N, C-alpha and C. Protein backbone atom coordinates (compact mmCIF):
# COMPACT_ATOMS: atom_id res chain seq x y z
N MET A 1 -12.12 -6.19 -3.82
CA MET A 1 -11.04 -6.76 -4.62
C MET A 1 -11.64 -7.27 -5.93
N THR A 2 -10.94 -6.98 -7.00
CA THR A 2 -11.40 -7.43 -8.31
C THR A 2 -10.68 -8.72 -8.70
N ASN A 3 -11.21 -9.40 -9.69
CA ASN A 3 -10.55 -10.60 -10.22
C ASN A 3 -9.15 -10.27 -10.73
N SER A 4 -9.01 -9.12 -11.38
CA SER A 4 -7.72 -8.70 -11.91
C SER A 4 -6.70 -8.50 -10.78
N THR A 5 -7.13 -7.84 -9.73
CA THR A 5 -6.24 -7.62 -8.58
C THR A 5 -5.84 -8.96 -7.98
N TRP A 6 -6.79 -9.86 -7.80
CA TRP A 6 -6.50 -11.16 -7.21
C TRP A 6 -5.51 -11.95 -8.09
N LYS A 7 -5.69 -11.87 -9.41
CA LYS A 7 -4.77 -12.56 -10.32
C LYS A 7 -3.35 -11.99 -10.19
N THR A 8 -3.23 -10.69 -10.03
CA THR A 8 -1.92 -10.05 -9.83
C THR A 8 -1.28 -10.56 -8.55
N VAL A 9 -2.06 -10.63 -7.49
CA VAL A 9 -1.55 -11.13 -6.20
C VAL A 9 -1.13 -12.59 -6.32
N CYS A 10 -1.94 -13.40 -6.97
CA CYS A 10 -1.62 -14.82 -7.13
C CYS A 10 -0.35 -15.02 -7.94
N ALA A 11 -0.15 -14.20 -8.96
CA ALA A 11 1.08 -14.27 -9.76
C ALA A 11 2.29 -13.92 -8.90
N ALA A 12 2.13 -12.95 -8.00
CA ALA A 12 3.22 -12.57 -7.11
C ALA A 12 3.55 -13.72 -6.14
N ILE A 13 2.53 -14.38 -5.64
CA ILE A 13 2.75 -15.53 -4.76
C ILE A 13 3.49 -16.63 -5.52
N ALA A 14 3.10 -16.86 -6.76
CA ALA A 14 3.74 -17.89 -7.58
C ALA A 14 5.22 -17.58 -7.83
N ALA A 15 5.58 -16.30 -7.77
CA ALA A 15 6.97 -15.90 -8.00
C ALA A 15 7.87 -16.13 -6.78
N ILE A 16 7.26 -16.46 -5.65
CA ILE A 16 8.01 -16.68 -4.41
C ILE A 16 8.58 -18.09 -4.41
N ASP A 17 9.86 -18.20 -4.14
CA ASP A 17 10.50 -19.50 -4.02
C ASP A 17 10.11 -20.10 -2.67
N LYS A 18 9.33 -21.15 -2.70
CA LYS A 18 8.87 -21.86 -1.49
C LYS A 18 8.05 -20.97 -0.55
N PRO A 19 6.89 -20.51 -1.01
CA PRO A 19 6.02 -19.75 -0.11
C PRO A 19 5.46 -20.70 0.95
N PRO A 20 5.00 -20.17 2.07
CA PRO A 20 4.35 -21.04 3.06
C PRO A 20 3.22 -21.82 2.38
N ALA A 21 3.05 -23.06 2.77
CA ALA A 21 2.04 -23.93 2.14
C ALA A 21 0.65 -23.32 2.18
N TRP A 22 0.29 -22.72 3.31
CA TRP A 22 -1.05 -22.14 3.45
C TRP A 22 -1.25 -20.98 2.48
N LEU A 23 -0.19 -20.21 2.21
CA LEU A 23 -0.29 -19.09 1.28
C LEU A 23 -0.38 -19.59 -0.16
N ASP A 24 0.41 -20.60 -0.48
CA ASP A 24 0.35 -21.20 -1.80
C ASP A 24 -1.04 -21.77 -2.06
N GLU A 25 -1.59 -22.47 -1.08
CA GLU A 25 -2.94 -23.04 -1.21
C GLU A 25 -3.97 -21.94 -1.44
N LEU A 26 -3.84 -20.85 -0.71
CA LEU A 26 -4.76 -19.74 -0.85
C LEU A 26 -4.73 -19.15 -2.26
N SER A 27 -3.54 -19.13 -2.85
CA SER A 27 -3.39 -18.53 -4.18
C SER A 27 -4.07 -19.35 -5.28
N HIS A 28 -4.48 -20.55 -4.97
CA HIS A 28 -5.17 -21.39 -5.96
C HIS A 28 -6.69 -21.28 -5.85
N LYS A 29 -7.16 -20.43 -4.95
CA LYS A 29 -8.60 -20.21 -4.80
C LYS A 29 -9.05 -19.07 -5.70
N SER A 30 -10.32 -19.10 -6.06
CA SER A 30 -10.88 -18.03 -6.89
C SER A 30 -11.16 -16.81 -6.03
N CYS A 31 -11.35 -15.70 -6.71
CA CYS A 31 -11.69 -14.46 -6.02
C CYS A 31 -12.99 -14.63 -5.23
N GLU A 32 -13.92 -15.38 -5.78
CA GLU A 32 -15.20 -15.62 -5.10
C GLU A 32 -15.00 -16.44 -3.82
N GLU A 33 -14.11 -17.43 -3.87
CA GLU A 33 -13.83 -18.24 -2.68
C GLU A 33 -13.13 -17.39 -1.61
N ILE A 34 -12.25 -16.53 -2.04
CA ILE A 34 -11.53 -15.66 -1.11
C ILE A 34 -12.51 -14.74 -0.39
N ALA A 35 -13.47 -14.21 -1.12
CA ALA A 35 -14.44 -13.27 -0.55
C ALA A 35 -15.28 -13.90 0.57
N LYS A 36 -15.37 -15.22 0.59
CA LYS A 36 -16.16 -15.92 1.62
C LYS A 36 -15.38 -16.19 2.91
N LEU A 37 -14.08 -15.90 2.91
CA LEU A 37 -13.28 -16.15 4.11
C LEU A 37 -13.67 -15.19 5.23
N PRO A 38 -13.52 -15.61 6.48
CA PRO A 38 -13.87 -14.72 7.59
C PRO A 38 -12.87 -13.57 7.72
N LYS A 39 -13.34 -12.45 8.23
CA LYS A 39 -12.43 -11.35 8.53
C LYS A 39 -11.50 -11.79 9.64
N LEU A 40 -10.35 -11.14 9.73
CA LEU A 40 -9.32 -11.54 10.69
C LEU A 40 -9.86 -11.66 12.11
N ASP A 41 -10.65 -10.71 12.55
CA ASP A 41 -11.17 -10.73 13.92
C ASP A 41 -12.08 -11.93 14.18
N ASN A 42 -12.66 -12.50 13.13
CA ASN A 42 -13.58 -13.63 13.28
C ASN A 42 -12.94 -14.97 12.95
N ALA A 43 -11.68 -14.97 12.54
CA ALA A 43 -11.01 -16.22 12.18
C ALA A 43 -10.49 -16.92 13.43
N ALA A 44 -10.68 -18.23 13.47
CA ALA A 44 -10.18 -19.04 14.57
C ALA A 44 -8.71 -19.37 14.34
N LYS A 45 -8.03 -19.78 15.39
CA LYS A 45 -6.63 -20.17 15.26
C LYS A 45 -6.52 -21.27 14.20
N GLY A 46 -5.56 -21.10 13.29
CA GLY A 46 -5.37 -22.06 12.22
C GLY A 46 -6.23 -21.83 11.00
N GLN A 47 -7.18 -20.92 11.10
CA GLN A 47 -8.09 -20.64 9.99
C GLN A 47 -7.53 -19.49 9.15
N THR A 48 -7.66 -19.59 7.85
CA THR A 48 -7.21 -18.53 6.96
C THR A 48 -8.26 -17.43 6.93
N ALA A 49 -7.80 -16.19 7.07
CA ALA A 49 -8.70 -15.04 7.09
C ALA A 49 -8.71 -14.36 5.72
N LEU A 50 -9.69 -13.52 5.54
CA LEU A 50 -9.82 -12.73 4.33
C LEU A 50 -8.59 -11.83 4.19
N PRO A 51 -7.89 -11.89 3.05
CA PRO A 51 -6.73 -11.02 2.87
C PRO A 51 -7.15 -9.54 2.82
N VAL A 52 -6.24 -8.69 3.23
CA VAL A 52 -6.45 -7.25 3.12
C VAL A 52 -5.52 -6.77 2.00
N ILE A 53 -6.12 -6.29 0.93
CA ILE A 53 -5.35 -5.88 -0.25
C ILE A 53 -5.71 -4.43 -0.57
N GLU A 54 -4.65 -3.60 -0.63
CA GLU A 54 -4.89 -2.18 -0.85
C GLU A 54 -3.73 -1.56 -1.63
N GLU A 55 -4.03 -0.46 -2.26
CA GLU A 55 -2.99 0.31 -2.94
C GLU A 55 -2.48 1.33 -1.93
N LYS A 56 -1.15 1.35 -1.72
CA LYS A 56 -0.56 2.27 -0.75
C LYS A 56 0.66 2.96 -1.34
N LYS A 57 0.73 4.26 -1.13
CA LYS A 57 1.89 5.03 -1.59
C LYS A 57 3.03 4.82 -0.59
N VAL A 58 4.22 4.60 -1.11
CA VAL A 58 5.40 4.47 -0.26
C VAL A 58 5.79 5.88 0.16
N ALA A 59 5.65 6.15 1.45
CA ALA A 59 5.88 7.50 1.98
C ALA A 59 7.31 7.66 2.49
N ALA A 60 7.87 8.81 2.23
CA ALA A 60 9.23 9.11 2.69
C ALA A 60 9.32 9.06 4.21
N ASP A 61 8.25 9.47 4.90
CA ASP A 61 8.32 9.45 6.37
C ASP A 61 8.34 8.01 6.91
N TYR A 62 7.77 7.06 6.18
CA TYR A 62 7.87 5.66 6.61
C TYR A 62 9.32 5.18 6.47
N LEU A 63 9.98 5.59 5.40
CA LEU A 63 11.39 5.22 5.23
C LEU A 63 12.24 5.89 6.31
N ASP A 64 11.88 7.12 6.70
CA ASP A 64 12.57 7.79 7.81
C ASP A 64 12.39 6.99 9.09
N PHE A 65 11.18 6.48 9.31
CA PHE A 65 10.91 5.65 10.47
C PHE A 65 11.80 4.40 10.46
N LEU A 66 11.91 3.76 9.30
CA LEU A 66 12.76 2.57 9.19
C LEU A 66 14.22 2.91 9.49
N HIS A 67 14.70 4.03 8.95
CA HIS A 67 16.07 4.48 9.24
C HIS A 67 16.26 4.64 10.75
N GLY A 68 15.29 5.26 11.40
CA GLY A 68 15.36 5.47 12.85
C GLY A 68 15.39 4.16 13.61
N GLN A 69 14.58 3.21 13.20
CA GLN A 69 14.55 1.90 13.87
C GLN A 69 15.89 1.18 13.72
N ILE A 70 16.49 1.30 12.56
CA ILE A 70 17.78 0.67 12.32
C ILE A 70 18.84 1.33 13.20
N ARG A 71 18.82 2.65 13.23
CA ARG A 71 19.80 3.41 14.02
C ARG A 71 19.66 3.12 15.51
N LEU A 72 18.44 3.10 16.02
CA LEU A 72 18.20 2.87 17.44
C LEU A 72 18.54 1.44 17.87
N ASN A 73 18.21 0.49 17.01
CA ASN A 73 18.43 -0.93 17.32
C ASN A 73 17.82 -1.31 18.67
N ALA A 74 16.74 -0.63 19.05
CA ALA A 74 16.12 -0.83 20.36
C ALA A 74 15.43 -2.18 20.50
N ARG A 75 15.00 -2.76 19.39
CA ARG A 75 14.30 -4.04 19.46
C ARG A 75 15.19 -5.21 19.05
N GLY A 76 16.47 -4.95 18.90
CA GLY A 76 17.41 -6.02 18.62
C GLY A 76 17.81 -6.12 17.17
N VAL A 77 18.78 -6.97 16.93
CA VAL A 77 19.37 -7.14 15.61
C VAL A 77 18.36 -7.68 14.60
N GLU A 78 17.54 -8.63 15.01
CA GLU A 78 16.57 -9.22 14.07
C GLU A 78 15.61 -8.16 13.53
N TRP A 79 15.13 -7.29 14.41
CA TRP A 79 14.22 -6.22 13.99
C TRP A 79 14.94 -5.22 13.09
N ALA A 80 16.15 -4.85 13.46
CA ALA A 80 16.93 -3.91 12.64
C ALA A 80 17.18 -4.49 11.25
N ASN A 81 17.48 -5.78 11.19
CA ASN A 81 17.69 -6.44 9.88
C ASN A 81 16.41 -6.44 9.04
N LEU A 82 15.29 -6.70 9.69
CA LEU A 82 14.00 -6.69 9.00
C LEU A 82 13.72 -5.28 8.45
N CYS A 83 13.96 -4.27 9.28
CA CYS A 83 13.76 -2.89 8.84
C CYS A 83 14.67 -2.55 7.67
N GLN A 84 15.90 -3.04 7.70
CA GLN A 84 16.84 -2.77 6.61
C GLN A 84 16.36 -3.42 5.31
N ARG A 85 15.85 -4.65 5.40
CA ARG A 85 15.34 -5.32 4.19
C ARG A 85 14.14 -4.56 3.61
N ARG A 86 13.25 -4.10 4.50
CA ARG A 86 12.11 -3.30 4.03
C ARG A 86 12.59 -2.02 3.36
N LEU A 87 13.51 -1.35 4.02
CA LEU A 87 14.04 -0.10 3.49
C LEU A 87 14.67 -0.30 2.12
N ASP A 88 15.50 -1.31 2.00
CA ASP A 88 16.17 -1.59 0.71
C ASP A 88 15.15 -1.87 -0.39
N ALA A 89 14.10 -2.61 -0.06
CA ALA A 89 13.10 -2.97 -1.07
C ALA A 89 12.22 -1.79 -1.46
N LEU A 90 11.87 -0.95 -0.49
CA LEU A 90 10.90 0.11 -0.74
C LEU A 90 11.50 1.42 -1.22
N GLN A 91 12.77 1.65 -0.93
CA GLN A 91 13.40 2.93 -1.26
C GLN A 91 13.23 3.33 -2.74
N PRO A 92 13.37 2.41 -3.69
CA PRO A 92 13.21 2.83 -5.10
C PRO A 92 11.77 3.25 -5.45
N PHE A 93 10.83 3.02 -4.54
CA PHE A 93 9.42 3.28 -4.85
C PHE A 93 8.83 4.45 -4.07
N VAL A 94 9.68 5.28 -3.46
CA VAL A 94 9.18 6.43 -2.71
C VAL A 94 8.30 7.29 -3.62
N GLY A 95 7.11 7.60 -3.11
CA GLY A 95 6.16 8.41 -3.86
C GLY A 95 5.32 7.63 -4.86
N LYS A 96 5.63 6.36 -5.03
CA LYS A 96 4.86 5.52 -5.95
C LYS A 96 3.89 4.64 -5.17
N VAL A 97 2.87 4.21 -5.86
CA VAL A 97 1.85 3.36 -5.25
C VAL A 97 2.18 1.89 -5.52
N LEU A 98 2.17 1.10 -4.45
CA LEU A 98 2.35 -0.35 -4.56
C LEU A 98 1.07 -1.03 -4.12
N LEU A 99 0.84 -2.20 -4.63
CA LEU A 99 -0.25 -3.04 -4.15
C LEU A 99 0.29 -3.77 -2.93
N THR A 100 -0.36 -3.61 -1.80
CA THR A 100 0.07 -4.25 -0.55
C THR A 100 -0.98 -5.27 -0.15
N ALA A 101 -0.54 -6.49 0.05
CA ALA A 101 -1.46 -7.58 0.41
C ALA A 101 -1.02 -8.20 1.72
N HIS A 102 -1.94 -8.23 2.69
CA HIS A 102 -1.69 -8.84 3.99
C HIS A 102 -2.52 -10.12 4.08
N PHE A 103 -1.86 -11.20 4.45
CA PHE A 103 -2.51 -12.50 4.57
C PHE A 103 -2.35 -13.02 6.00
N TYR A 104 -3.36 -13.74 6.47
CA TYR A 104 -3.32 -14.26 7.84
C TYR A 104 -3.87 -15.68 7.89
N GLN A 105 -3.14 -16.52 8.54
CA GLN A 105 -3.65 -17.81 8.97
C GLN A 105 -3.14 -17.95 10.39
N LYS A 106 -3.98 -17.53 11.32
CA LYS A 106 -3.56 -17.43 12.72
C LYS A 106 -2.80 -18.66 13.19
N PRO A 107 -1.61 -18.49 13.73
CA PRO A 107 -0.93 -17.27 14.13
C PRO A 107 0.03 -16.73 13.06
N HIS A 108 0.00 -17.25 11.86
CA HIS A 108 0.94 -16.86 10.81
C HIS A 108 0.40 -15.68 10.00
N SER A 109 1.34 -14.95 9.40
CA SER A 109 0.95 -13.86 8.52
C SER A 109 1.99 -13.69 7.42
N ALA A 110 1.58 -13.00 6.38
CA ALA A 110 2.47 -12.69 5.26
C ALA A 110 2.05 -11.34 4.70
N THR A 111 3.04 -10.59 4.25
CA THR A 111 2.79 -9.31 3.59
C THR A 111 3.57 -9.28 2.29
N LEU A 112 2.88 -8.94 1.23
CA LEU A 112 3.51 -8.81 -0.08
C LEU A 112 3.34 -7.38 -0.55
N ARG A 113 4.37 -6.87 -1.19
CA ARG A 113 4.29 -5.56 -1.84
C ARG A 113 4.59 -5.79 -3.32
N ILE A 114 3.69 -5.31 -4.17
CA ILE A 114 3.73 -5.62 -5.59
C ILE A 114 3.73 -4.32 -6.39
N ASN A 115 4.61 -4.26 -7.39
CA ASN A 115 4.68 -3.11 -8.28
C ASN A 115 3.43 -3.11 -9.16
N LEU A 116 2.63 -2.07 -9.04
CA LEU A 116 1.37 -2.00 -9.80
C LEU A 116 1.61 -1.89 -11.31
N GLU A 117 2.70 -1.26 -11.70
CA GLU A 117 2.97 -1.07 -13.13
C GLU A 117 3.38 -2.36 -13.83
N THR A 118 4.16 -3.19 -13.12
CA THR A 118 4.71 -4.39 -13.75
C THR A 118 4.10 -5.69 -13.23
N GLY A 119 3.46 -5.64 -12.06
CA GLY A 119 2.94 -6.84 -11.44
C GLY A 119 4.02 -7.65 -10.70
N GLU A 120 5.25 -7.12 -10.70
CA GLU A 120 6.35 -7.84 -10.05
C GLU A 120 6.30 -7.71 -8.54
N LEU A 121 6.70 -8.79 -7.89
CA LEU A 121 6.81 -8.79 -6.44
C LEU A 121 8.01 -7.94 -6.05
N VAL A 122 7.79 -6.96 -5.18
CA VAL A 122 8.84 -6.07 -4.71
C VAL A 122 9.44 -6.61 -3.42
N TYR A 123 8.57 -7.11 -2.54
CA TYR A 123 9.03 -7.52 -1.21
C TYR A 123 8.00 -8.46 -0.59
N ALA A 124 8.48 -9.42 0.17
CA ALA A 124 7.60 -10.36 0.88
C ALA A 124 8.15 -10.61 2.27
N GLU A 125 7.26 -10.67 3.24
CA GLU A 125 7.62 -11.01 4.63
C GLU A 125 6.68 -12.11 5.11
N PHE A 126 7.25 -13.02 5.88
CA PHE A 126 6.45 -14.11 6.44
C PHE A 126 6.74 -14.22 7.93
N PHE A 127 5.69 -14.32 8.72
CA PHE A 127 5.83 -14.48 10.16
C PHE A 127 5.05 -15.69 10.62
């Protein structure tokens, strides 16, 4: 991860209305401080892990998967609603590359998808 990438991610976190406190706190750390965090497998409960940040192309087959999950409704309404929100957010970006950032503070997690061209937050999920 570069300083530039980290700054883009931090700006996206800042754009979130009331992000989880642990995520907001993380966004105020430097890239060097982030690099010292333990990997997810080595993080203890309650400890913040090293974020996983990557460029990922939004694939049409993933959107097909989301459509199928919504149609099946096999995991319940909450899951179908989550899939619909993902689908709505990602559909305009099919074939384009987004910056995807996964954050963990066991047992919590967050995923952000960021438009690489504009730096704008496309979608955020918190668990």
